[in-house]
């Protein structure tokens, strides 16, 4: 190979005018303020993705369960979530929750009691939220968006119980990903018709009526009141799963490319 045709691969290096090497700079103790800079924060974010992927890569097929952290064991939805967790475990599915109390604890509890793998993805909050005692595999996250990636990437479906802003955030994140073809054949079950009926009515009128979504978008979720119905519905949707181009899906339209 002629000198003219040589190719250089890898990082381009230069020598410091002082003769100091990068190793020498690395080994110097420096002002710790750098840990609060964005470049360092990016590395911390990357490490959370790596740790999450490493911890969850080998888990069995799983379902993410969401719902309020504010209910106690006397609430009817606690027992329903516990039963759903057990039904999922008996079907050979792991259960992923946010690892906290309330609905999350109930689903983890039911899963563990039925012999399934109970997973909790906890989040750092201004107030303390410890991992509930029914989690077998627990992972702590600093960043919501990293945690949300794990909920979707390692789940085959979502089961969404009544909850607040966090629950609604996860619900609409999933619906947006389905609507825009980012995930395919992803069952979403809304548990508790008395709670979700108002939202469904609002989506029909005015959201659907004004053309903000299409009729097919109303088919992206299923409302249920029966824990025994959840697993059959998930299986039914997943049975239709096949390789497909996103633009072939009825609910993925060109005008939805901007996740309207």
C-alpha atoms as a PDB file:
ATOM      1  CA  UNK A   1       0.000   0.000   0.000  1.00  0.00           C
ATOM      2  CA  UNK A   2       1.389   3.375  -0.959  1.00  0.00           C
ATOM      3  CA  UNK A   3       1.789   6.127   1.609  1.00  0.00           C
ATOM      4  CA  UNK A   4      -0.900   8.089  -0.198  1.00  0.00           C
ATOM      5  CA  UNK A   5      -3.479   5.289   0.146  1.00  0.00           C
ATOM      6  CA  UNK A   6      -2.932   4.539   3.819  1.00  0.00           C
ATOM      7  CA  UNK A   7      -6.008   4.691   6.048  1.00  0.00           C
ATOM      8  CA  UNK A   8      -6.002   5.656   9.688  1.00  0.00           C
ATOM      9  CA  UNK A   9      -8.493   3.946  12.000  1.00  0.00           C
ATOM     10  CA  UNK A  10      -9.226   4.750  15.610  1.00  0.00           C
ATOM     11  CA  UNK A  11      -8.772   7.863  17.669  1.00  0.00           C
ATOM     12  CA  UNK A  12      -6.517  10.617  16.389  1.00  0.00           C
ATOM     13  CA  UNK A  13      -3.870  11.357  18.996  1.00  0.00           C
ATOM     14  CA  UNK A  14      -1.616  14.306  19.520  1.00  0.00           C
ATOM     15  CA  UNK A  15       1.272  14.876  21.874  1.00  0.00           C
ATOM     16  CA  UNK A  16       1.030  17.624  24.451  1.00  0.00           C
ATOM     17  CA  UNK A  17       3.566  20.404  23.933  1.00  0.00           C
ATOM     18  CA  UNK A  18       4.714  19.828  27.493  1.00  0.00           C
ATOM     19  CA  UNK A  19       5.366  16.158  26.849  1.00  0.00           C
ATOM     20  CA  UNK A  20       2.724  15.108  29.376  1.00  0.00           C
ATOM     21  CA  UNK A  21       0.662  12.044  28.456  1.00  0.00           C
ATOM     22  CA  UNK A  22      -3.059  11.371  28.891  1.00  0.00           C
ATOM     23  CA  UNK A  23      -2.191   8.765  31.529  1.00  0.00           C
ATOM     24  CA  UNK A  24      -0.445  11.443  33.538  1.00  0.00           C
ATOM     25  CA  UNK A  25      -3.511  13.689  33.391  1.00  0.00           C
ATOM     26  CA  UNK A  26      -5.792  10.790  34.340  1.00  0.00           C
ATOM     27  CA  UNK A  27      -3.761   9.915  37.408  1.00  0.00           C
ATOM     28  CA  UNK A  28      -3.845  13.449  38.792  1.00  0.00           C
ATOM     29  CA  UNK A  29      -6.417  14.160  41.483  1.00  0.00           C
ATOM     30  CA  UNK A  30      -8.663  16.965  40.320  1.00  0.00           C
ATOM     31  CA  UNK A  31     -11.467  19.185  41.556  1.00  0.00           C
ATOM     32  CA  UNK A  32     -14.482  16.863  42.198  1.00  0.00           C
ATOM     33  CA  UNK A  33     -16.883  19.421  40.705  1.00  0.00           C
ATOM     34  CA  UNK A  34     -16.633  17.547  37.396  1.00  0.00           C
ATOM     35  CA  UNK A  35     -19.119  14.935  38.664  1.00  0.00           C
ATOM     36  CA  UNK A  36     -21.861  17.573  38.388  1.00  0.00           C
ATOM     37  CA  UNK A  37     -21.155  18.377  34.737  1.00  0.00           C
ATOM     38  CA  UNK A  38     -23.281  17.136  31.840  1.00  0.00           C
ATOM     39  CA  UNK A  39     -20.530  14.995  30.224  1.00  0.00           C
ATOM     40  CA  UNK A  40     -20.151  13.076  33.481  1.00  0.00           C
ATOM     41  CA  UNK A  41     -23.919  12.864  33.845  1.00  0.00           C
ATOM     42  CA  UNK A  42     -24.121  11.284  30.373  1.00  0.00           C
ATOM     43  CA  UNK A  43     -21.744   8.556  31.545  1.00  0.00           C
ATOM     44  CA  UNK A  44     -23.906   7.982  34.601  1.00  0.00           C
ATOM     45  CA  UNK A  45     -26.967   7.654  32.353  1.00  0.00           C
ATOM     46  CA  UNK A  46     -25.098   5.204  30.131  1.00  0.00           C
ATOM     47  CA  UNK A  47     -24.133   3.138  33.163  1.00  0.00           C
ATOM     48  CA  UNK A  48     -27.792   2.904  34.201  1.00  0.00           C
ATOM     49  CA  UNK A  49     -28.740   1.552  30.778  1.00  0.00           C
ATOM     50  CA  UNK A  50     -25.893  -0.983  30.951  1.00  0.00           C
ATOM     51  CA  UNK A  51     -26.842  -2.102  34.468  1.00  0.00           C
ATOM     52  CA  UNK A  52     -30.517  -2.387  33.541  1.00  0.00           C
ATOM     53  CA  UNK A  53     -29.854  -4.346  30.360  1.00  0.00           C
ATOM     54  CA  UNK A  54     -27.391  -6.594  32.188  1.00  0.00           C
ATOM     55  CA  UNK A  55     -29.856  -7.350  35.000  1.00  0.00           C
ATOM     56  CA  UNK A  56     -32.904  -7.964  32.807  1.00  0.00           C
ATOM     57  CA  UNK A  57     -31.501  -9.517  29.629  1.00  0.00           C
ATOM     58  CA  UNK A  58     -32.042 -13.100  30.760  1.00  0.00           C
ATOM     59  CA  UNK A  59     -35.408 -12.836  32.523  1.00  0.00           C
ATOM     60  CA  UNK A  60     -38.356 -14.878  31.196  1.00  0.00           C
ATOM     61  CA  UNK A  61     -41.159 -13.178  29.242  1.00  0.00           C
ATOM     62  CA  UNK A  62     -42.644 -10.537  31.515  1.00  0.00           C
ATOM     63  CA  UNK A  63     -45.570  -8.163  31.976  1.00  0.00           C
ATOM     64  CA  UNK A  64     -45.231  -4.699  33.487  1.00  0.00           C
ATOM     65  CA  UNK A  65     -47.911  -3.828  36.048  1.00  0.00           C
ATOM     66  CA  UNK A  66     -48.609  -0.214  37.024  1.00  0.00           C
ATOM     67  CA  UNK A  67     -50.885   1.494  39.501  1.00  0.00           C
ATOM     68  CA  UNK A  68     -51.132   3.743  42.512  1.00  0.00           C
ATOM     69  CA  UNK A  69     -48.542   3.600  45.295  1.00  0.00           C
ATOM     70  CA  UNK A  70     -51.103   5.189  47.628  1.00  0.00           C
ATOM     71  CA  UNK A  71     -53.469   2.302  48.273  1.00  0.00           C
ATOM     72  CA  UNK A  72     -53.150  -0.133  51.174  1.00  0.00           C
ATOM     73  CA  UNK A  73     -53.899  -3.813  51.522  1.00  0.00           C
ATOM     74  CA  UNK A  74     -57.541  -3.065  52.403  1.00  0.00           C
ATOM     75  CA  UNK A  75     -58.241  -1.523  49.006  1.00  0.00           C
ATOM     76  CA  UNK A  76     -60.110  -3.856  46.593  1.00  0.00           C
ATOM     77  CA  UNK A  77     -57.576  -3.066  43.864  1.00  0.00           C
ATOM     78  CA  UNK A  78     -54.759  -4.366  46.080  1.00  0.00           C
ATOM     79  CA  UNK A  79     -56.282  -7.828  46.137  1.00  0.00           C
ATOM     80  CA  UNK A  80     -57.088  -7.624  42.421  1.00  0.00           C
ATOM     81  CA  UNK A  81     -53.466  -6.704  41.600  1.00  0.00           C
ATOM     82  CA  UNK A  82     -52.231  -9.520  43.821  1.00  0.00           C
ATOM     83  CA  UNK A  83     -54.476 -11.948  41.950  1.00  0.00           C
ATOM     84  CA  UNK A  84     -53.316 -10.625  38.569  1.00  0.00           C
ATOM     85  CA  UNK A  85     -49.684 -11.065  39.652  1.00  0.00           C
ATOM     86  CA  UNK A  86     -50.426 -14.657  40.590  1.00  0.00           C
ATOM     87  CA  UNK A  87     -52.251 -15.344  37.308  1.00  0.00           C
ATOM     88  CA  UNK A  88     -49.277 -13.985  35.343  1.00  0.00           C
ATOM     89  CA  UNK A  89     -46.832 -16.137  37.323  1.00  0.00           C
ATOM     90  CA  UNK A  90     -48.917 -19.266  36.792  1.00  0.00           C
ATOM     91  CA  UNK A  91     -48.798 -18.506  33.059  1.00  0.00           C
ATOM     92  CA  UNK A  92     -44.986 -18.528  33.178  1.00  0.00           C
ATOM     93  CA  UNK A  93     -44.624 -14.752  33.050  1.00  0.00           C
ATOM     94  CA  UNK A  94     -42.440 -12.594  35.255  1.00  0.00           C
ATOM     95  CA  UNK A  95     -43.931  -9.436  36.746  1.00  0.00           C
ATOM     96  CA  UNK A  96     -42.180  -6.049  36.510  1.00  0.00           C
ATOM     97  CA  UNK A  97     -43.340  -3.145  38.651  1.00  0.00           C
ATOM     98  CA  UNK A  98     -41.930   0.115  39.954  1.00  0.00           C
ATOM     99  CA  UNK A  99     -40.937  -1.769  43.094  1.00  0.00           C
ATOM    100  CA  UNK A 100     -42.876   0.497  45.459  1.00  0.00           C
ATOM    101  CA  UNK A 101     -45.946   0.053  47.684  1.00  0.00           C
ATOM    102  CA  UNK A 102     -49.630  -0.143  46.775  1.00  0.00           C
ATOM    103  CA  UNK A 103     -50.524  -1.801  43.486  1.00  0.00           C
ATOM    104  CA  UNK A 104     -46.844  -2.466  42.790  1.00  0.00           C
ATOM    105  CA  UNK A 105     -46.410  -4.360  46.045  1.00  0.00           C
ATOM    106  CA  UNK A 106     -49.610  -6.317  45.449  1.00  0.00           C
ATOM    107  CA  UNK A 107     -48.571  -7.468  41.961  1.00  0.00           C
ATOM    108  CA  UNK A 108     -45.076  -8.408  43.161  1.00  0.00           C
ATOM    109  CA  UNK A 109     -46.587 -10.247  46.098  1.00  0.00           C
ATOM    110  CA  UNK A 110     -49.010 -12.287  44.008  1.00  0.00           C
ATOM    111  CA  UNK A 111     -46.272 -13.169  41.549  1.00  0.00           C
ATOM    112  CA  UNK A 112     -43.883 -14.365  44.235  1.00  0.00           C
ATOM    113  CA  UNK A 113     -46.575 -16.326  46.082  1.00  0.00           C
ATOM    114  CA  UNK A 114     -47.392 -18.149  42.831  1.00  0.00           C
ATOM    115  CA  UNK A 115     -43.729 -19.011  42.205  1.00  0.00           C
ATOM    116  CA  UNK A 116     -42.935 -16.416  39.523  1.00  0.00           C
ATOM    117  CA  UNK A 117     -40.030 -14.020  39.167  1.00  0.00           C
ATOM    118  CA  UNK A 118     -40.960 -10.724  40.844  1.00  0.00           C
ATOM    119  CA  UNK A 119     -39.028  -7.693  39.567  1.00  0.00           C
ATOM    120  CA  UNK A 120     -38.935  -4.127  40.875  1.00  0.00           C
ATOM    121  CA  UNK A 121     -37.497  -1.104  39.053  1.00  0.00           C
ATOM    122  CA  UNK A 122     -37.305   1.513  41.786  1.00  0.00           C
ATOM    123  CA  UNK A 123     -36.729   5.235  41.215  1.00  0.00           C
ATOM    124  CA  UNK A 124     -34.907   7.873  43.237  1.00  0.00           C
ATOM    125  CA  UNK A 125     -37.450  10.402  44.554  1.00  0.00           C
ATOM    126  CA  UNK A 126     -37.238  13.480  46.788  1.00  0.00           C
ATOM    127  CA  UNK A 127     -38.874  11.352  49.488  1.00  0.00           C
ATOM    128  CA  UNK A 128     -37.797   7.856  50.383  1.00  0.00           C
ATOM    129  CA  UNK A 129     -39.491   5.011  48.500  1.00  0.00           C
ATOM    130  CA  UNK A 130     -37.947   1.719  49.483  1.00  0.00           C
ATOM    131  CA  UNK A 131     -38.247  -1.488  47.494  1.00  0.00           C
ATOM    132  CA  UNK A 132     -41.197  -3.560  48.659  1.00  0.00           C
ATOM    133  CA  UNK A 133     -40.438  -6.847  50.402  1.00  0.00           C
ATOM    134  CA  UNK A 134     -41.900  -9.017  47.628  1.00  0.00           C
ATOM    135  CA  UNK A 135     -39.276  -8.146  44.994  1.00  0.00           C
ATOM    136  CA  UNK A 136     -36.874 -10.926  43.985  1.00  0.00           C
ATOM    137  CA  UNK A 137     -34.825  -8.871  41.522  1.00  0.00           C
ATOM    138  CA  UNK A 138     -34.557  -5.183  42.350  1.00  0.00           C
ATOM    139  CA  UNK A 139     -32.887  -2.414  40.358  1.00  0.00           C
ATOM    140  CA  UNK A 140     -32.569   1.215  41.481  1.00  0.00           C
ATOM    141  CA  UNK A 141     -32.640   4.029  38.913  1.00  0.00           C
ATOM    142  CA  UNK A 142     -31.853   7.734  39.103  1.00  0.00           C
ATOM    143  CA  UNK A 143     -33.503   8.643  35.800  1.00  0.00           C
ATOM    144  CA  UNK A 144     -37.161   8.139  34.899  1.00  0.00           C
ATOM    145  CA  UNK A 145     -36.492   7.745  31.176  1.00  0.00           C
ATOM    146  CA  UNK A 146     -33.993   4.911  31.746  1.00  0.00           C
ATOM    147  CA  UNK A 147     -36.460   3.135  34.007  1.00  0.00           C
ATOM    148  CA  UNK A 148     -39.247   3.599  31.452  1.00  0.00           C
ATOM    149  CA  UNK A 149     -37.083   1.953  28.808  1.00  0.00           C
ATOM    150  CA  UNK A 150     -36.821  -1.155  30.995  1.00  0.00           C
ATOM    151  CA  UNK A 151     -40.583  -1.305  31.534  1.00  0.00           C
ATOM    152  CA  UNK A 152     -41.180  -1.426  27.774  1.00  0.00           C
ATOM    153  CA  UNK A 153     -38.122  -3.276  26.467  1.00  0.00           C
ATOM    154  CA  UNK A 154     -38.474  -6.286  28.765  1.00  0.00           C
ATOM    155  CA  UNK A 155     -42.273  -6.560  28.838  1.00  0.00           C
ATOM    156  CA  UNK A 156     -44.672  -8.345  26.525  1.00  0.00           C
ATOM    157  CA  UNK A 157     -47.651  -6.351  27.806  1.00  0.00           C
ATOM    158  CA  UNK A 158     -48.827  -3.697  30.276  1.00  0.00           C
ATOM    159  CA  UNK A 159     -51.515  -4.118  32.915  1.00  0.00           C
ATOM    160  CA  UNK A 160     -52.532  -0.711  34.235  1.00  0.00           C
ATOM    161  CA  UNK A 161     -54.465  -0.337  37.483  1.00  0.00           C
ATOM    162  CA  UNK A 162     -55.957   2.920  38.745  1.00  0.00           C
ATOM    163  CA  UNK A 163     -53.248   5.426  39.568  1.00  0.00           C
ATOM    164  CA  UNK A 164     -52.043   8.988  39.302  1.00  0.00           C
ATOM    165  CA  UNK A 165     -49.765  10.958  36.997  1.00  0.00           C
ATOM    166  CA  UNK A 166     -47.004   8.343  36.981  1.00  0.00           C
ATOM    167  CA  UNK A 167     -49.441   5.601  35.993  1.00  0.00           C
ATOM    168  CA  UNK A 168     -50.973   7.781  33.281  1.00  0.00           C
ATOM    169  CA  UNK A 169     -47.493   8.646  32.025  1.00  0.00           C
ATOM    170  CA  UNK A 170     -46.634   4.971  31.544  1.00  0.00           C
ATOM    171  CA  UNK A 171     -50.012   4.285  29.919  1.00  0.00           C
ATOM    172  CA  UNK A 172     -49.779   7.043  27.327  1.00  0.00           C
ATOM    173  CA  UNK A 173     -46.117   6.289  26.668  1.00  0.00           C
ATOM    174  CA  UNK A 174     -47.118   2.726  25.726  1.00  0.00           C
ATOM    175  CA  UNK A 175     -50.061   3.857  23.599  1.00  0.00           C
ATOM    176  CA  UNK A 176     -47.855   6.358  21.752  1.00  0.00           C
ATOM    177  CA  UNK A 177     -45.222   3.701  21.039  1.00  0.00           C
ATOM    178  CA  UNK A 178     -47.904   1.358  19.676  1.00  0.00           C
ATOM    179  CA  UNK A 179     -49.660   4.079  17.689  1.00  0.00           C
ATOM    180  CA  UNK A 180     -46.412   5.128  15.992  1.00  0.00           C
ATOM    181  CA  UNK A 181     -45.262   1.577  15.237  1.00  0.00           C
ATOM    182  CA  UNK A 182     -42.358   1.534  17.684  1.00  0.00           C
ATOM    183  CA  UNK A 183     -43.705  -1.618  19.327  1.00  0.00           C
ATOM    184  CA  UNK A 184     -46.039  -4.171  17.740  1.00  0.00           C
ATOM    185  CA  UNK A 185     -48.751  -6.398  19.183  1.00  0.00           C
ATOM    186  CA  UNK A 186     -48.280  -4.992  22.663  1.00  0.00           C
ATOM    187  CA  UNK A 187     -51.363  -5.709  24.787  1.00  0.00           C
ATOM    188  CA  UNK A 188     -52.460  -2.962  27.173  1.00  0.00           C
ATOM    189  CA  UNK A 189     -55.054  -3.915  29.784  1.00  0.00           C
ATOM    190  CA  UNK A 190     -56.754  -1.208  31.837  1.00  0.00           C
ATOM    191  CA  UNK A 191     -57.991  -2.870  35.008  1.00  0.00           C
ATOM    192  CA  UNK A 192     -61.052  -1.383  36.696  1.00  0.00           C
ATOM    193  CA  UNK A 193     -63.790  -0.152  34.382  1.00  0.00           C
ATOM    194  CA  UNK A 194     -65.266   2.159  37.017  1.00  0.00           C
ATOM    195  CA  UNK A 195     -61.996   4.085  37.100  1.00  0.00           C
ATOM    196  CA  UNK A 196     -61.089   4.023  33.386  1.00  0.00           C
ATOM    197  CA  UNK A 197     -64.530   4.566  31.863  1.00  0.00           C
ATOM    198  CA  UNK A 198     -64.236   8.338  32.216  1.00  0.00           C
ATOM    199  CA  UNK A 199     -60.940   8.357  30.337  1.00  0.00           C
ATOM    200  CA  UNK A 200     -62.344   6.110  27.615  1.00  0.00           C
ATOM    201  CA  UNK A 201     -65.356   8.398  27.247  1.00  0.00           C
ATOM    202  CA  UNK A 202     -63.093  11.447  26.975  1.00  0.00           C
ATOM    203  CA  UNK A 203     -60.982   9.728  24.307  1.00  0.00           C
ATOM    204  CA  UNK A 204     -64.137   9.039  22.292  1.00  0.00           C
ATOM    205  CA  UNK A 205     -65.481  12.550  22.805  1.00  0.00           C
ATOM    206  CA  UNK A 206     -63.832  14.964  22.132  1.00  0.00           C
ATOM    207  CA  UNK A 207     -60.491  13.357  21.150  1.00  0.00           C
ATOM    208  CA  UNK A 208     -61.796  10.839  18.589  1.00  0.00           C
ATOM    209  CA  UNK A 209     -64.793  12.951  17.595  1.00  0.00           C
ATOM    210  CA  UNK A 210     -62.503  15.847  16.660  1.00  0.00           C
ATOM    211  CA  UNK A 211     -60.176  13.606  14.658  1.00  0.00           C
ATOM    212  CA  UNK A 212     -57.234  13.823  17.049  1.00  0.00           C
ATOM    213  CA  UNK A 213     -56.998  10.015  16.972  1.00  0.00           C
ATOM    214  CA  UNK A 214     -58.519   7.395  14.668  1.00  0.00           C
ATOM    215  CA  UNK A 215     -61.161   4.736  15.440  1.00  0.00           C
ATOM    216  CA  UNK A 216     -58.481   2.042  15.341  1.00  0.00           C
ATOM    217  CA  UNK A 217     -56.638   3.779  18.182  1.00  0.00           C
ATOM    218  CA  UNK A 218     -59.473   2.929  20.531  1.00  0.00           C
ATOM    219  CA  UNK A 219     -58.628  -0.724  19.964  1.00  0.00           C
ATOM    220  CA  UNK A 220     -55.111  -0.333  21.380  1.00  0.00           C
ATOM    221  CA  UNK A 221     -56.287  -1.053  24.930  1.00  0.00           C
ATOM    222  CA  UNK A 222     -58.686  -3.433  26.618  1.00  0.00           C
ATOM    223  CA  UNK A 223     -60.684  -2.682  29.779  1.00  0.00           C
ATOM    224  CA  UNK A 224     -61.233  -5.517  32.252  1.00  0.00           C
ATOM    225  CA  UNK A 225     -62.596  -6.154  35.742  1.00  0.00           C
ATOM    226  CA  UNK A 226     -61.656  -9.834  35.954  1.00  0.00           C
ATOM    227  CA  UNK A 227     -58.124 -10.968  36.940  1.00  0.00           C
ATOM    228  CA  UNK A 228     -58.757 -14.296  35.218  1.00  0.00           C
ATOM    229  CA  UNK A 229     -59.389 -12.470  31.912  1.00  0.00           C
ATOM    230  CA  UNK A 230     -56.043 -10.656  31.812  1.00  0.00           C
ATOM    231  CA  UNK A 231     -53.756 -13.533  30.790  1.00  0.00           C
ATOM    232  CA  UNK A 232     -56.092 -14.914  28.061  1.00  0.00           C
ATOM    233  CA  UNK A 233     -56.353 -11.432  26.517  1.00  0.00           C
ATOM    234  CA  UNK A 234     -52.568 -11.009  26.546  1.00  0.00           C
ATOM    235  CA  UNK A 235     -52.105 -14.446  24.993  1.00  0.00           C
ATOM    236  CA  UNK A 236     -54.701 -13.682  22.328  1.00  0.00           C
ATOM    237  CA  UNK A 237     -52.933 -10.487  21.252  1.00  0.00           C
ATOM    238  CA  UNK A 238     -49.473 -12.061  21.351  1.00  0.00           C
ATOM    239  CA  UNK A 239     -50.703 -15.030  19.297  1.00  0.00           C
ATOM    240  CA  UNK A 240     -51.242 -12.610  16.419  1.00  0.00           C
ATOM    241  CA  UNK A 241     -47.678 -11.370  16.709  1.00  0.00           C
ATOM    242  CA  UNK A 242     -45.691 -11.653  13.508  1.00  0.00           C
ATOM    243  CA  UNK A 243     -42.893  -9.757  11.779  1.00  0.00           C
ATOM    244  CA  UNK A 244     -44.449  -6.711  10.165  1.00  0.00           C
ATOM    245  CA  UNK A 245     -43.525  -3.375   8.697  1.00  0.00           C
ATOM    246  CA  UNK A 246     -44.913  -0.615  10.943  1.00  0.00           C
ATOM    247  CA  UNK A 247     -46.614   1.122   8.005  1.00  0.00           C
ATOM    248  CA  UNK A 248     -48.685  -2.036   7.402  1.00  0.00           C
ATOM    249  CA  UNK A 249     -50.445  -1.622  10.753  1.00  0.00           C
ATOM    250  CA  UNK A 250     -53.858   0.028  10.546  1.00  0.00           C
ATOM    251  CA  UNK A 251     -53.243   2.324  13.503  1.00  0.00           C
ATOM    252  CA  UNK A 252     -49.895   3.597  12.141  1.00  0.00           C
ATOM    253  CA  UNK A 253     -50.697   6.439   9.796  1.00  0.00           C
ATOM    254  CA  UNK A 254     -48.310   8.894   8.071  1.00  0.00           C
ATOM    255  CA  UNK A 255     -49.782  11.835   9.947  1.00  0.00           C
ATOM    256  CA  UNK A 256     -48.943  10.119  13.232  1.00  0.00           C
ATOM    257  CA  UNK A 257     -45.215  10.136  12.597  1.00  0.00           C
ATOM    258  CA  UNK A 258     -44.815  13.088  14.931  1.00  0.00           C
ATOM    259  CA  UNK A 259     -46.533  11.233  17.814  1.00  0.00           C
ATOM    260  CA  UNK A 260     -49.379  13.719  17.807  1.00  0.00           C
END
